[in-house]
Amino acid sequence: MNKSILREEIFKLVYSLEVQKAGSVEEVDLYLENIEMPEKDKNNIKSVVLKIIELDLNLKDQVSKNLKSEWKVDRVSKINMSILKIAIYEILYMNTPYKVAINEAVELAKKYGEETSASFINGILASVVKDNDIA
């Protein structure tokens, strides 16, 4: 399965957990039981999602630090927050090239987000890259 499809499944799961305000191994397992894909891919998704859950506060902090001063992190939609968490995790912890992570995040935002989601996510992620001296 290609990485874009896996990333989209990771997004769906992270978003589902964000909406439910959940984050346990059991909830991740339950979600994965109900999708059709090879076990290897399910294990990959589970590994990434559990790490995102573990790093949740750090990832939200990265978003918060890069919002405009009048914005608060709880104002960010659950869809945008889910996409941002995945992209920031990929950039900071998986060494995914930042251009790839940003492009994939923007594509998810175009597909699932609001009209302004893609530019919002692009801006936040560009700031995260700059803030962490990655570029």
Foldseek 3Di string as FASTA:
>chain_A
DDPLVLVVVLLVLQLVCLVVVHQDLVSLVVSLVPDDDDPVSSVVSSVLSNVLSVCVVVQLVLLQVQDPPVDGSVVDDSSLSSLSSSLLCCVPPVVDPNVVSLVSSLVSCVVPHDPCSSVSSNRSSVVSCVVVVPD
